[in-house]
Amino acid sequence: MLVRVSIGSGLTYTASVVVIGLNFEKKRNLAAGIAVSGTGIGTMVFAPVLKLIQTTYGYEGLFILSSGLALQSCIAGALCRPSQIENKRKHDLHKQNLVRCSFLSSNIKLFRNIPFLCMCVSVLCWSTGVYMAYLHLPYYVTTLNTTPIQVAWIISAAGVGGFSSRVLSGLASNNDDIDDMLIYSGSFGVLGICTIFFPLYAVTFTGQIFYGVALGIYSGSCYAVMNSINISIVGINSLDSAFGIEMFSRIF
């Protein structure tokens, strides 16, 4: 079941981010930031709510209600239509009668693109670190006598930070004077520092809330700028393949 859920969520997320990249040009990062801010809102709202549902209805009720919520993504996907950018790209490829060959050659070129390969390694590293933090944070704080409801509020605080950072990063990166790669790399640098020193200030609930907010802020900023970074590295025609490969590298 976990494999099927992972495949479904992976396909849904990758497609949703690529759709944003292919529908916006001038304010692509802002659009991406707003779109992926839903992840932060979900973390903020559903951390305490799902805990309450599990307490009230048990794990069976929790899984049924969670699956119903996930099913709503089908409605959102059904409303998406090919953009002018995507239609123009497909038209150019059909005009050249090189659709399949262009697709294959484009993917081969990606694996020869050193900056793109560095991005894949980067995605692998930060996804491993971030998800390990989210995975072990609840257990770690409970060893410090933090109650289950307080743990839920810490995760909710991460959601607040994630929502805010995605929108603000999208706004900031639309400024030509701000480098997308600086936002991408700088956010993970700050998160690394906060994580290294977390055991020193984790002894208080305030410190735990602070880390939750920092975890959300500095792990969420990258999603607003990944489309623009990929386009600058591989071009708009390879955006979907590039982002898909990057997301695939997260599973290792």
Protein backbone atom coordinates (compact mmCIF):
# COMPACT_ATOMS: atom_id res chain seq x y z
CA MET A 1 0.00 0.00 0.00
CA LEU A 2 2.81 2.42 0.89
CA VAL A 3 4.37 1.91 -2.55
CA ARG A 4 1.10 2.72 -4.32
CA VAL A 5 0.54 5.78 -2.15
CA SER A 6 4.09 6.98 -2.80
CA ILE A 7 3.77 6.54 -6.56
CA GLY A 8 0.46 8.37 -6.65
CA SER A 9 1.59 11.28 -4.52
CA GLY A 10 4.87 11.55 -6.43
CA LEU A 11 3.15 11.72 -9.81
CA THR A 12 0.61 14.24 -8.51
CA TYR A 13 3.16 16.54 -6.94
CA THR A 14 5.58 16.50 -9.86
CA ALA A 15 2.83 17.23 -12.38
CA SER A 16 1.38 20.05 -10.29
CA VAL A 17 4.72 21.88 -9.99
CA VAL A 18 5.52 21.44 -13.70
CA VAL A 19 2.06 22.76 -14.63
CA ILE A 20 2.88 25.99 -12.78
CA GLY A 21 6.20 26.29 -14.59
CA LEU A 22 4.54 25.88 -17.98
CA ASN A 23 1.75 28.38 -17.31
CA PHE A 24 3.66 31.37 -15.98
CA GLU A 25 6.62 33.37 -17.26
CA LYS A 26 6.90 36.80 -15.62
CA LYS A 27 5.77 35.75 -12.15
CA ARG A 28 6.63 32.06 -12.28
CA ASN A 29 8.29 31.97 -8.85
CA LEU A 30 5.45 33.81 -7.14
CA ALA A 31 2.91 31.44 -8.70
CA ALA A 32 4.97 28.44 -7.63
CA GLY A 33 5.35 29.83 -4.12
CA ILE A 34 1.61 30.33 -3.73
CA ALA A 35 0.82 26.91 -5.20
CA VAL A 36 3.19 24.94 -2.97
CA SER A 37 2.24 26.99 0.10
CA GLY A 38 -0.66 24.57 0.39
CA THR A 39 1.84 22.08 1.79
CA GLY A 40 2.59 24.43 4.65
CA ILE A 41 -1.08 25.15 5.28
CA GLY A 42 -1.81 21.43 5.33
CA THR A 43 0.98 20.76 7.81
CA MET A 44 -0.17 23.66 9.99
CA VAL A 45 -3.85 22.69 10.06
CA PHE A 46 -3.81 18.92 9.86
CA ALA A 47 -1.11 18.14 12.43
CA PRO A 48 -3.45 18.77 15.40
CA VAL A 49 -6.61 17.88 13.42
CA LEU A 50 -5.37 14.43 12.35
CA LYS A 51 -4.24 13.75 15.89
CA LEU A 52 -7.76 14.54 17.08
CA ILE A 53 -9.29 12.36 14.34
CA GLN A 54 -7.02 9.45 15.25
CA THR A 55 -7.98 9.78 18.91
CA THR A 56 -11.70 9.95 18.09
CA TYR A 57 -12.10 7.46 15.23
CA GLY A 58 -8.97 5.33 15.47
CA TYR A 59 -6.50 4.59 12.70
CA GLU A 60 -9.17 3.11 10.40
CA GLY A 61 -11.20 6.31 10.47
CA LEU A 62 -8.02 8.35 10.05
CA PHE A 63 -7.01 6.51 6.87
CA ILE A 64 -10.53 6.72 5.39
CA LEU A 65 -10.79 10.48 5.96
CA SER A 66 -7.21 11.06 4.74
CA SER A 67 -7.88 9.13 1.53
CA GLY A 68 -11.02 11.19 0.92
CA LEU A 69 -9.02 14.39 1.23
CA ALA A 70 -6.30 13.09 -1.10
CA LEU A 71 -8.94 12.17 -3.68
CA GLN A 72 -9.78 15.85 -4.09
CA SER A 73 -6.55 16.29 -6.04
CA CYS A 74 -8.28 14.50 -8.94
CA ILE A 75 -10.72 17.40 -9.20
CA ALA A 76 -7.91 19.95 -9.24
CA GLY A 77 -6.05 17.96 -11.89
CA ALA A 78 -9.16 17.69 -14.09
CA LEU A 79 -9.36 21.49 -14.21
CA CYS A 80 -5.83 21.90 -15.63
CA ARG A 81 -5.45 22.51 -19.35
CA PRO A 82 -2.35 22.77 -21.61
CA SER A 83 -0.88 26.27 -21.55
CA GLN A 84 0.20 28.36 -24.53
CA ILE A 85 3.83 27.62 -23.66
CA GLU A 86 3.20 23.87 -23.68
CA ASN A 87 1.13 23.99 -26.88
CA LYS A 88 3.85 25.98 -28.65
CA ARG A 89 6.50 23.50 -27.55
CA LYS A 90 4.47 20.53 -28.79
CA HIS A 91 3.72 22.32 -32.05
CA ASP A 92 7.40 22.98 -32.69
CA LEU A 93 8.29 19.35 -32.01
CA HIS A 94 5.53 18.00 -34.24
CA LYS A 95 6.53 20.44 -36.96
CA GLN A 96 10.03 19.02 -36.94
CA ASN A 97 8.74 15.42 -36.83
CA LEU A 98 11.15 14.75 -34.00
CA VAL A 99 8.84 14.25 -31.04
CA ARG A 100 10.20 10.90 -29.84
CA CYS A 101 13.77 11.56 -30.88
CA SER A 102 13.72 14.99 -29.26
CA PHE A 103 12.36 13.52 -26.03
CA LEU A 104 15.07 10.87 -25.89
CA SER A 105 17.90 13.18 -26.89
CA SER A 106 16.70 15.78 -24.38
CA ASN A 107 16.83 13.27 -21.53
CA ILE A 108 20.26 12.05 -22.60
CA LYS A 109 21.53 15.63 -22.63
CA LEU A 110 20.25 16.11 -19.08
CA PHE A 111 22.59 13.42 -17.79
CA ARG A 112 25.49 15.18 -19.52
CA ASN A 113 24.62 18.49 -17.93
CA ILE A 114 26.93 18.92 -14.93
CA PRO A 115 24.93 21.73 -13.22
CA PHE A 116 21.78 19.62 -13.52
CA LEU A 117 23.53 16.59 -12.01
CA CYS A 118 24.70 18.80 -9.16
CA MET A 119 21.08 19.82 -8.61
CA CYS A 120 20.08 16.15 -8.41
CA VAL A 121 22.76 15.50 -5.79
CA SER A 122 21.63 18.60 -3.92
CA VAL A 123 17.99 17.44 -3.94
CA LEU A 124 19.08 14.03 -2.66
CA CYS A 125 21.05 15.57 0.21
CA TRP A 126 18.52 18.12 1.41
CA SER A 127 15.52 15.81 1.05
CA THR A 128 17.31 13.19 3.17
CA GLY A 129 18.18 15.73 5.85
CA VAL A 130 14.81 17.47 5.94
CA TYR A 131 12.73 14.30 6.05
CA MET A 132 14.95 12.81 8.72
CA ALA A 133 14.35 15.96 10.77
CA TYR A 134 10.58 15.71 10.34
CA LEU A 135 10.68 11.97 11.06
CA HIS A 136 12.73 12.10 14.26
CA LEU A 137 11.68 15.50 15.63
CA PRO A 138 8.45 14.23 17.34
CA TYR A 139 10.25 11.34 19.05
CA TYR A 140 13.20 13.49 20.10
CA VAL A 141 11.08 16.16 21.79
CA THR A 142 8.99 13.53 23.60
CA THR A 143 12.19 12.35 25.28
CA LEU A 144 12.35 15.90 26.68
CA ASN A 145 8.93 15.45 28.34
CA THR A 146 7.02 17.25 25.60
CA THR A 147 3.36 16.17 25.49
CA PRO A 148 1.73 14.71 22.33
CA ILE A 149 -0.42 17.82 21.82
CA GLN A 150 2.68 20.02 22.12
CA VAL A 151 4.39 17.85 19.50
CA ALA A 152 1.41 18.49 17.21
CA TRP A 153 1.80 22.23 17.73
CA ILE A 154 5.52 22.04 16.89
CA ILE A 155 4.70 20.37 13.56
CA SER A 156 1.95 22.92 13.05
CA ALA A 157 4.52 25.68 13.62
CA ALA A 158 6.64 24.11 10.87
CA GLY A 159 3.59 24.38 8.63
CA VAL A 160 3.24 28.08 9.41
CA GLY A 161 6.89 28.62 8.54
CA GLY A 162 6.61 26.57 5.36
CA PHE A 163 3.53 28.45 4.16
CA SER A 164 5.11 31.85 4.83
CA SER A 165 8.47 31.05 3.25
CA ARG A 166 6.99 29.68 0.04
CA VAL A 167 4.96 32.81 -0.62
CA LEU A 168 7.64 35.27 0.52
CA SER A 169 10.37 33.48 -1.46
CA GLY A 170 8.19 33.61 -4.54
CA LEU A 171 7.72 37.35 -4.08
CA ALA A 172 11.39 38.00 -3.40
CA SER A 173 12.71 35.92 -6.28
CA ASN A 174 10.66 37.90 -8.80
CA ASN A 175 13.08 40.74 -8.15
CA ASP A 176 15.87 40.58 -10.73
CA ASP A 177 18.38 41.74 -8.11
CA ILE A 178 17.85 38.57 -6.04
CA ASP A 179 19.55 35.39 -7.19
CA ASP A 180 17.34 32.27 -7.15
CA MET A 181 20.31 30.06 -6.35
CA LEU A 182 21.15 32.24 -3.35
CA ILE A 183 17.66 31.65 -1.94
CA TYR A 184 17.94 27.94 -2.67
CA SER A 185 21.36 27.32 -1.15
CA GLY A 186 21.20 29.97 1.56
CA SER A 187 17.99 28.61 3.07
CA PHE A 188 19.47 25.14 3.53
CA GLY A 189 22.64 26.64 4.98
CA VAL A 190 20.65 28.45 7.67
CA LEU A 191 18.57 25.33 8.35
CA GLY A 192 21.75 23.32 8.80
CA ILE A 193 23.03 25.78 11.41
CA CYS A 194 19.69 25.74 13.27
CA THR A 195 19.72 21.94 13.29
CA ILE A 196 23.31 21.65 14.54
CA PHE A 197 22.55 23.84 17.56
CA PHE A 198 19.03 22.48 18.17
CA PRO A 199 20.05 20.20 21.10
CA LEU A 200 21.29 23.30 22.94
CA TYR A 201 17.93 25.12 22.90
CA ALA A 202 15.55 22.16 22.62
CA VAL A 203 15.24 21.90 26.39
CA THR A 204 12.39 24.44 26.39
CA PHE A 205 9.10 24.31 24.50
CA THR A 206 9.80 27.80 23.14
CA GLY A 207 13.04 26.53 21.62
CA GLN A 208 11.23 23.59 20.09
CA ILE A 209 8.62 25.90 18.55
CA PHE A 210 11.43 28.09 17.21
CA TYR A 211 13.05 25.11 15.51
CA GLY A 212 9.70 24.00 14.09
CA VAL A 213 9.21 27.42 12.50
CA ALA A 214 12.81 27.46 11.21
CA LEU A 215 12.41 23.95 9.79
CA GLY A 216 9.33 25.03 7.89
CA ILE A 217 10.79 28.30 6.65
CA TYR A 218 14.16 27.11 5.46
CA SER A 219 13.02 23.76 4.04
CA GLY A 220 10.19 25.33 2.06
CA SER A 221 11.90 28.25 0.31
CA CYS A 222 13.47 26.07 -2.38
CA TYR A 223 10.16 25.01 -3.93
CA ALA A 224 9.34 28.54 -5.06
CA VAL A 225 12.53 28.85 -7.13
CA MET A 226 13.14 25.32 -8.46
CA ASN A 227 11.26 25.91 -11.71
CA SER A 228 13.28 29.02 -12.50
CA ILE A 229 16.56 27.35 -11.57
CA ASN A 230 15.79 24.35 -13.77
CA ILE A 231 14.79 26.55 -16.70
CA SER A 232 18.03 28.50 -16.40
CA ILE A 233 19.99 25.22 -16.40
CA VAL A 234 18.17 23.03 -18.94
CA GLY A 235 15.65 25.31 -20.68
CA ILE A 236 11.86 25.38 -20.70
CA ASN A 237 11.56 22.42 -23.09
CA SER A 238 13.21 20.08 -20.59
CA LEU A 239 11.54 21.43 -17.46
CA ASP A 240 9.18 18.50 -16.98
CA SER A 241 11.90 15.87 -17.46
CA ALA A 242 14.36 17.75 -15.24
CA PHE A 243 11.96 18.18 -12.36
CA GLY A 244 10.79 14.58 -12.63
CA ILE A 245 14.36 13.27 -12.46
CA GLU A 246 15.11 15.52 -9.48
CA MET A 247 12.06 14.24 -7.63
CA PHE A 248 13.08 10.67 -8.48
CA SER A 249 16.50 11.30 -6.92
CA ARG A 250 14.73 11.97 -3.60
CA ILE A 251 13.83 8.28 -3.16
CA PHE A 252 17.43 7.06 -2.72
